[in-house]
Amino acid sequence: MNNYIEKLQWRYATKKFDPAKKLEKEKLETLKEAIRLSASSYGLQPYKVLIIEDPELRKKLRPAAWDQPQITDASQLIVFAHDTNFGDQQIDAYINNVVETRGLKKEDLAGYGDFMKSKITPLPEARKSAWTARQAYIALGNMLSAAAHLEIDACPMEGFEVDQFDQILGLTGKGWSTAVIATVGYRSEEDDTQHYAKVRKSEKELFETI
């Protein structure tokens, strides 16, 4: 079994973190870079990531996350917020970034920019919001794999009240909304979940080659 698969076998959704164990700065920076380098549709990255360390803010967020202890006990709480007003302005900003990064002429990318606008901007609001949220989930998945590789414990979480999180974090009315959250740090020795056998569908049940 290769090392990558071994690390995925090692990881689990950590239920109890050791509050005394904090993530090393260099490992946190690696997680951030893994998120930054994540794949996204067209490369647009229609999300931003809030890394929350402030203990008082996390105390306020914990009741909005069904009082789950990971919110306050983990080293960091990571919030993936998706852009709910994505459109021409954000696409133009991306094109400008491509021009600057690759040393291209803006007019050479005009057709590509117009193509993206024709596919994304006209989408109904609910569908567009769902699309940007899915992009945030891709980034979350990349972060979880990176965390496993570094033997950082993590817990992806959907058990929270979106409206309350948005209000507490000051996202309401600013075109952003919480898509998904995750906690990272190091497991507590008292977390019995770490000893459970991993339950997944069998290869035969999960895959079909056509």
C-alpha atoms as a PDB file:
ATOM      1  CA  MET A   1       0.000   0.000   0.000  1.00  0.00           C
ATOM      2  CA  ASN A   2       1.493   3.333  -0.982  1.00  0.00           C
ATOM      3  CA  ASN A   3       2.107   6.071   1.555  1.00  0.00           C
ATOM      4  CA  TYR A   4      -0.714   8.302   0.320  1.00  0.00           C
ATOM      5  CA  ILE A   5      -3.334   5.584   0.800  1.00  0.00           C
ATOM      6  CA  GLU A   6      -1.889   4.765   4.217  1.00  0.00           C
ATOM      7  CA  LYS A   7      -2.396   8.387   5.254  1.00  0.00           C
ATOM      8  CA  LEU A   8      -6.003   8.309   4.032  1.00  0.00           C
ATOM      9  CA  GLN A   9      -6.527   5.163   6.086  1.00  0.00           C
ATOM     10  CA  TRP A  10      -5.056   6.999   9.083  1.00  0.00           C
ATOM     11  CA  ARG A  11      -7.347  10.032   8.871  1.00  0.00           C
ATOM     12  CA  TYR A  12     -10.818  10.198  10.332  1.00  0.00           C
ATOM     13  CA  ALA A  13     -13.304  12.919  11.236  1.00  0.00           C
ATOM     14  CA  THR A  14     -11.843  13.879  14.594  1.00  0.00           C
ATOM     15  CA  LYS A  15     -14.502  14.340  17.265  1.00  0.00           C
ATOM     16  CA  LYS A  16     -12.289  15.354  20.184  1.00  0.00           C
ATOM     17  CA  PHE A  17      -9.257  17.586  19.774  1.00  0.00           C
ATOM     18  CA  ASP A  18      -6.532  18.214  22.326  1.00  0.00           C
ATOM     19  CA  PRO A  19      -6.900  21.951  23.101  1.00  0.00           C
ATOM     20  CA  ALA A  20      -3.319  22.093  24.364  1.00  0.00           C
ATOM     21  CA  LYS A  21      -1.829  21.011  21.035  1.00  0.00           C
ATOM     22  CA  LYS A  22      -1.589  23.797  18.495  1.00  0.00           C
ATOM     23  CA  LEU A  23      -0.797  23.432  14.830  1.00  0.00           C
ATOM     24  CA  GLU A  24       2.754  24.401  13.926  1.00  0.00           C
ATOM     25  CA  LYS A  25       2.928  27.581  11.832  1.00  0.00           C
ATOM     26  CA  GLU A  26       4.689  25.871   8.922  1.00  0.00           C
ATOM     27  CA  LYS A  27       2.052  23.136   8.781  1.00  0.00           C
ATOM     28  CA  LEU A  28      -0.749  25.698   8.779  1.00  0.00           C
ATOM     29  CA  GLU A  29       0.985  27.508   5.928  1.00  0.00           C
ATOM     30  CA  THR A  30       1.169  24.230   4.008  1.00  0.00           C
ATOM     31  CA  LEU A  31      -2.556  23.668   4.507  1.00  0.00           C
ATOM     32  CA  LYS A  32      -3.247  27.198   3.266  1.00  0.00           C
ATOM     33  CA  GLU A  33      -1.126  26.598   0.178  1.00  0.00           C
ATOM     34  CA  ALA A  34      -2.928  23.303  -0.498  1.00  0.00           C
ATOM     35  CA  ILE A  35      -6.229  25.205  -0.408  1.00  0.00           C
ATOM     36  CA  ARG A  36      -4.831  27.941  -2.637  1.00  0.00           C
ATOM     37  CA  LEU A  37      -3.596  25.426  -5.221  1.00  0.00           C
ATOM     38  CA  SER A  38      -6.848  23.468  -5.256  1.00  0.00           C
ATOM     39  CA  ALA A  39      -8.633  22.841  -8.509  1.00  0.00           C
ATOM     40  CA  SER A  40     -11.705  24.943  -9.258  1.00  0.00           C
ATOM     41  CA  SER A  41     -13.966  25.444 -12.244  1.00  0.00           C
ATOM     42  CA  TYR A  42     -12.194  27.657 -14.810  1.00  0.00           C
ATOM     43  CA  GLY A  43      -9.655  28.347 -12.041  1.00  0.00           C
ATOM     44  CA  LEU A  44     -11.985  31.064 -10.722  1.00  0.00           C
ATOM     45  CA  GLN A  45     -11.920  30.131  -7.016  1.00  0.00           C
ATOM     46  CA  PRO A  46     -15.289  31.733  -6.152  1.00  0.00           C
ATOM     47  CA  TYR A  47     -14.718  31.489  -2.416  1.00  0.00           C
ATOM     48  CA  LYS A  48     -12.605  32.852   0.408  1.00  0.00           C
ATOM     49  CA  VAL A  49     -11.277  31.081   3.468  1.00  0.00           C
ATOM     50  CA  LEU A  50     -11.465  32.392   7.018  1.00  0.00           C
ATOM     51  CA  ILE A  51      -8.970  30.918   9.472  1.00  0.00           C
ATOM     52  CA  ILE A  52     -10.409  31.578  12.898  1.00  0.00           C
ATOM     53  CA  GLU A  53      -8.164  31.448  15.932  1.00  0.00           C
ATOM     54  CA  ASP A  54      -9.789  34.059  18.196  1.00  0.00           C
ATOM     55  CA  PRO A  55     -11.144  32.061  21.173  1.00  0.00           C
ATOM     56  CA  GLU A  56     -13.906  34.566  21.936  1.00  0.00           C
ATOM     57  CA  LEU A  57     -15.205  34.489  18.382  1.00  0.00           C
ATOM     58  CA  ARG A  58     -15.157  30.713  18.414  1.00  0.00           C
ATOM     59  CA  LYS A  59     -17.148  30.682  21.647  1.00  0.00           C
ATOM     60  CA  LYS A  60     -19.797  32.757  19.880  1.00  0.00           C
ATOM     61  CA  LEU A  61     -19.815  30.377  16.903  1.00  0.00           C
ATOM     62  CA  ARG A  62     -20.022  27.159  18.912  1.00  0.00           C
ATOM     63  CA  PRO A  63     -23.774  27.378  19.726  1.00  0.00           C
ATOM     64  CA  ALA A  64     -24.413  28.000  16.005  1.00  0.00           C
ATOM     65  CA  ALA A  65     -22.572  24.737  15.302  1.00  0.00           C
ATOM     66  CA  TRP A  66     -24.851  22.652  17.489  1.00  0.00           C
ATOM     67  CA  ASP A  67     -22.472  23.093  20.449  1.00  0.00           C
ATOM     68  CA  GLN A  68     -19.902  20.753  18.935  1.00  0.00           C
ATOM     69  CA  PRO A  69     -16.672  20.936  20.988  1.00  0.00           C
ATOM     70  CA  GLN A  70     -14.395  20.843  17.929  1.00  0.00           C
ATOM     71  CA  ILE A  71     -15.295  24.488  17.272  1.00  0.00           C
ATOM     72  CA  THR A  72     -13.486  25.703  20.391  1.00  0.00           C
ATOM     73  CA  ASP A  73     -11.063  22.845  21.094  1.00  0.00           C
ATOM     74  CA  ALA A  74      -9.305  22.459  17.738  1.00  0.00           C
ATOM     75  CA  SER A  75      -6.223  24.475  16.907  1.00  0.00           C
ATOM     76  CA  GLN A  76      -8.015  26.366  14.114  1.00  0.00           C
ATOM     77  CA  LEU A  77     -11.530  26.658  12.745  1.00  0.00           C
ATOM     78  CA  ILE A  78     -11.552  27.043   8.990  1.00  0.00           C
ATOM     79  CA  VAL A  79     -14.586  28.535   7.263  1.00  0.00           C
ATOM     80  CA  PHE A  80     -15.044  28.190   3.512  1.00  0.00           C
ATOM     81  CA  ALA A  81     -17.280  31.061   2.393  1.00  0.00           C
ATOM     82  CA  HIS A  82     -18.617  31.060  -1.150  1.00  0.00           C
ATOM     83  CA  ASP A  83     -19.377  34.065  -3.340  1.00  0.00           C
ATOM     84  CA  THR A  84     -23.148  34.444  -3.700  1.00  0.00           C
ATOM     85  CA  ASN A  85     -22.934  37.345  -6.179  1.00  0.00           C
ATOM     86  CA  PHE A  86     -20.431  35.929  -8.625  1.00  0.00           C
ATOM     87  CA  GLY A  87     -20.507  37.535 -12.057  1.00  0.00           C
ATOM     88  CA  ASP A  88     -18.746  39.728 -14.603  1.00  0.00           C
ATOM     89  CA  GLN A  89     -16.703  41.705 -12.077  1.00  0.00           C
ATOM     90  CA  GLN A  90     -15.117  38.593 -10.581  1.00  0.00           C
ATOM     91  CA  ILE A  91     -14.435  37.123 -14.020  1.00  0.00           C
ATOM     92  CA  ASP A  92     -12.729  40.358 -15.099  1.00  0.00           C
ATOM     93  CA  ALA A  93     -10.568  40.230 -11.968  1.00  0.00           C
ATOM     94  CA  TYR A  94      -9.556  36.661 -12.822  1.00  0.00           C
ATOM     95  CA  ILE A  95      -8.666  37.633 -16.395  1.00  0.00           C
ATOM     96  CA  ASN A  96      -6.525  40.481 -15.055  1.00  0.00           C
ATOM     97  CA  ASN A  97      -4.747  38.011 -12.780  1.00  0.00           C
ATOM     98  CA  VAL A  98      -4.049  35.682 -15.717  1.00  0.00           C
ATOM     99  CA  VAL A  99      -2.705  38.593 -17.770  1.00  0.00           C
ATOM    100  CA  GLU A 100      -0.377  39.679 -14.974  1.00  0.00           C
ATOM    101  CA  THR A 101       0.753  36.171 -13.993  1.00  0.00           C
ATOM    102  CA  ARG A 102       1.428  34.899 -17.518  1.00  0.00           C
ATOM    103  CA  GLY A 103       2.512  38.118 -19.169  1.00  0.00           C
ATOM    104  CA  LEU A 104      -0.268  38.050 -21.745  1.00  0.00           C
ATOM    105  CA  LYS A 105      -2.226  40.787 -23.459  1.00  0.00           C
ATOM    106  CA  LYS A 106      -5.713  41.360 -22.121  1.00  0.00           C
ATOM    107  CA  GLU A 107      -7.224  41.435 -25.597  1.00  0.00           C
ATOM    108  CA  ASP A 108      -5.901  37.912 -26.210  1.00  0.00           C
ATOM    109  CA  LEU A 109      -8.148  36.649 -23.411  1.00  0.00           C
ATOM    110  CA  ALA A 110     -11.248  38.665 -24.295  1.00  0.00           C
ATOM    111  CA  GLY A 111     -12.919  35.705 -25.970  1.00  0.00           C
ATOM    112  CA  TYR A 112     -12.279  33.415 -23.004  1.00  0.00           C
ATOM    113  CA  GLY A 113     -13.628  36.014 -20.601  1.00  0.00           C
ATOM    114  CA  ASP A 114     -16.758  36.492 -22.687  1.00  0.00           C
ATOM    115  CA  PHE A 115     -17.242  32.716 -22.840  1.00  0.00           C
ATOM    116  CA  MET A 116     -17.120  32.397 -19.048  1.00  0.00           C
ATOM    117  CA  LYS A 117     -19.526  35.308 -18.666  1.00  0.00           C
ATOM    118  CA  SER A 118     -21.956  33.691 -21.100  1.00  0.00           C
ATOM    119  CA  LYS A 119     -21.960  30.452 -19.086  1.00  0.00           C
ATOM    120  CA  ILE A 120     -21.904  31.782 -15.512  1.00  0.00           C
ATOM    121  CA  THR A 121     -23.453  35.245 -15.275  1.00  0.00           C
ATOM    122  CA  PRO A 122     -26.903  34.319 -16.678  1.00  0.00           C
ATOM    123  CA  LEU A 123     -27.367  31.401 -14.262  1.00  0.00           C
ATOM    124  CA  PRO A 124     -30.325  31.720 -11.865  1.00  0.00           C
ATOM    125  CA  GLU A 125     -29.193  33.017  -8.466  1.00  0.00           C
ATOM    126  CA  ALA A 126     -29.855  29.759  -6.613  1.00  0.00           C
ATOM    127  CA  ARG A 127     -28.010  27.666  -9.183  1.00  0.00           C
ATOM    128  CA  LYS A 128     -25.052  30.044  -9.257  1.00  0.00           C
ATOM    129  CA  SER A 129     -24.843  30.024  -5.465  1.00  0.00           C
ATOM    130  CA  ALA A 130     -24.905  26.218  -5.444  1.00  0.00           C
ATOM    131  CA  TRP A 131     -22.114  26.184  -8.025  1.00  0.00           C
ATOM    132  CA  THR A 132     -19.840  28.473  -6.001  1.00  0.00           C
ATOM    133  CA  ALA A 133     -20.505  26.392  -2.880  1.00  0.00           C
ATOM    134  CA  ARG A 134     -19.467  23.224  -4.718  1.00  0.00           C
ATOM    135  CA  GLN A 135     -16.189  24.882  -5.654  1.00  0.00           C
ATOM    136  CA  ALA A 136     -15.532  25.536  -1.970  1.00  0.00           C
ATOM    137  CA  TYR A 137     -16.072  21.834  -1.264  1.00  0.00           C
ATOM    138  CA  ILE A 138     -13.361  20.937  -3.781  1.00  0.00           C
ATOM    139  CA  ALA A 139     -10.955  23.151  -1.847  1.00  0.00           C
ATOM    140  CA  LEU A 140     -12.043  21.485   1.395  1.00  0.00           C
ATOM    141  CA  GLY A 141     -11.304  18.045  -0.070  1.00  0.00           C
ATOM    142  CA  ASN A 142      -7.850  19.160  -1.128  1.00  0.00           C
ATOM    143  CA  MET A 143      -7.184  20.491   2.363  1.00  0.00           C
ATOM    144  CA  LEU A 144      -8.304  17.236   3.994  1.00  0.00           C
ATOM    145  CA  SER A 145      -5.932  15.200   1.820  1.00  0.00           C
ATOM    146  CA  ALA A 146      -3.065  17.570   2.603  1.00  0.00           C
ATOM    147  CA  ALA A 147      -3.871  17.365   6.311  1.00  0.00           C
ATOM    148  CA  ALA A 148      -3.773  13.567   6.183  1.00  0.00           C
ATOM    149  CA  HIS A 149      -0.424  13.671   4.392  1.00  0.00           C
ATOM    150  CA  LEU A 150       0.961  15.874   7.203  1.00  0.00           C
ATOM    151  CA  GLU A 151      -0.775  13.800   9.914  1.00  0.00           C
ATOM    152  CA  ILE A 152      -2.871  16.764  10.942  1.00  0.00           C
ATOM    153  CA  ASP A 153      -6.240  15.822  12.333  1.00  0.00           C
ATOM    154  CA  ALA A 154      -9.275  17.420  10.755  1.00  0.00           C
ATOM    155  CA  CYS A 155     -13.040  17.307  10.903  1.00  0.00           C
ATOM    156  CA  PRO A 156     -15.169  18.552   7.994  1.00  0.00           C
ATOM    157  CA  MET A 157     -18.472  19.837   9.369  1.00  0.00           C
ATOM    158  CA  GLU A 158     -21.869  20.641   7.906  1.00  0.00           C
ATOM    159  CA  GLY A 159     -23.578  20.708  11.286  1.00  0.00           C
ATOM    160  CA  PHE A 160     -24.028  24.446  11.707  1.00  0.00           C
ATOM    161  CA  GLU A 161     -26.601  27.164  11.109  1.00  0.00           C
ATOM    162  CA  VAL A 162     -25.551  29.082   8.002  1.00  0.00           C
ATOM    163  CA  ASP A 163     -27.476  32.274   8.772  1.00  0.00           C
ATOM    164  CA  GLN A 164     -26.033  32.480  12.280  1.00  0.00           C
ATOM    165  CA  PHE A 165     -22.486  31.855  11.096  1.00  0.00           C
ATOM    166  CA  ASP A 166     -22.839  34.502   8.398  1.00  0.00           C
ATOM    167  CA  GLN A 167     -24.146  37.038  10.889  1.00  0.00           C
ATOM    168  CA  ILE A 168     -21.472  36.381  13.525  1.00  0.00           C
ATOM    169  CA  LEU A 169     -18.692  36.475  10.929  1.00  0.00           C
ATOM    170  CA  GLY A 170     -19.993  39.654   9.315  1.00  0.00           C
ATOM    171  CA  LEU A 171     -20.710  37.998   5.967  1.00  0.00           C
ATOM    172  CA  THR A 172     -24.408  38.846   5.807  1.00  0.00           C
ATOM    173  CA  GLY A 173     -25.203  41.353   3.095  1.00  0.00           C
ATOM    174  CA  LYS A 174     -21.667  41.336   1.705  1.00  0.00           C
ATOM    175  CA  GLY A 175     -22.108  38.729  -1.012  1.00  0.00           C
ATOM    176  CA  TRP A 176     -20.577  35.872   0.953  1.00  0.00           C
ATOM    177  CA  SER A 177     -22.049  32.892   2.780  1.00  0.00           C
ATOM    178  CA  THR A 178     -20.624  29.970   4.729  1.00  0.00           C
ATOM    179  CA  ALA A 179     -20.530  26.856   2.547  1.00  0.00           C
ATOM    180  CA  VAL A 180     -18.766  24.385   4.831  1.00  0.00           C
ATOM    181  CA  ILE A 181     -16.414  24.464   7.808  1.00  0.00           C
ATOM    182  CA  ALA A 182     -13.582  22.314   9.123  1.00  0.00           C
ATOM    183  CA  THR A 183     -11.550  22.116  12.282  1.00  0.00           C
ATOM    184  CA  VAL A 184      -7.859  21.195  12.314  1.00  0.00           C
ATOM    185  CA  GLY A 185      -5.377  20.328  15.026  1.00  0.00           C
ATOM    186  CA  TYR A 186      -4.413  17.181  16.895  1.00  0.00           C
ATOM    187  CA  ARG A 187      -6.655  14.467  18.272  1.00  0.00           C
ATOM    188  CA  SER A 188      -7.241  13.887  21.950  1.00  0.00           C
ATOM    189  CA  GLU A 189      -6.153  10.533  23.324  1.00  0.00           C
ATOM    190  CA  GLU A 190      -9.679  10.325  24.743  1.00  0.00           C
ATOM    191  CA  ASP A 191     -11.283  10.356  21.292  1.00  0.00           C
ATOM    192  CA  ASP A 192     -12.528   6.789  20.950  1.00  0.00           C
ATOM    193  CA  THR A 193     -13.493   7.429  17.325  1.00  0.00           C
ATOM    194  CA  GLN A 194      -9.859   7.106  16.261  1.00  0.00           C
ATOM    195  CA  HIS A 195      -9.974   3.394  17.062  1.00  0.00           C
ATOM    196  CA  TYR A 196     -13.041   2.624  14.949  1.00  0.00           C
ATOM    197  CA  ALA A 197     -12.576   0.585  11.785  1.00  0.00           C
ATOM    198  CA  LYS A 198     -13.057   2.734   8.681  1.00  0.00           C
ATOM    199  CA  VAL A 199     -16.375   1.922   6.989  1.00  0.00           C
ATOM    200  CA  ARG A 200     -16.579   2.473   3.237  1.00  0.00           C
ATOM    201  CA  LYS A 201     -18.333   0.839   0.304  1.00  0.00           C
ATOM    202  CA  SER A 202     -16.417  -2.018  -1.292  1.00  0.00           C
ATOM    203  CA  GLU A 203     -14.584  -1.427  -4.556  1.00  0.00           C
ATOM    204  CA  LYS A 204     -17.074  -3.691  -6.325  1.00  0.00           C
ATOM    205  CA  GLU A 205     -20.041  -1.729  -5.002  1.00  0.00           C
ATOM    206  CA  LEU A 206     -18.578   1.712  -5.593  1.00  0.00           C
ATOM    207  CA  PHE A 207     -16.978   1.463  -9.035  1.00  0.00           C
ATOM    208  CA  GLU A 208     -18.335   0.514 -12.422  1.00  0.00           C
ATOM    209  CA  THR A 209     -16.143   0.451 -15.503  1.00  0.00           C
ATOM    210  CA  ILE A 210     -18.123   1.058 -18.676  1.00  0.00           C
END
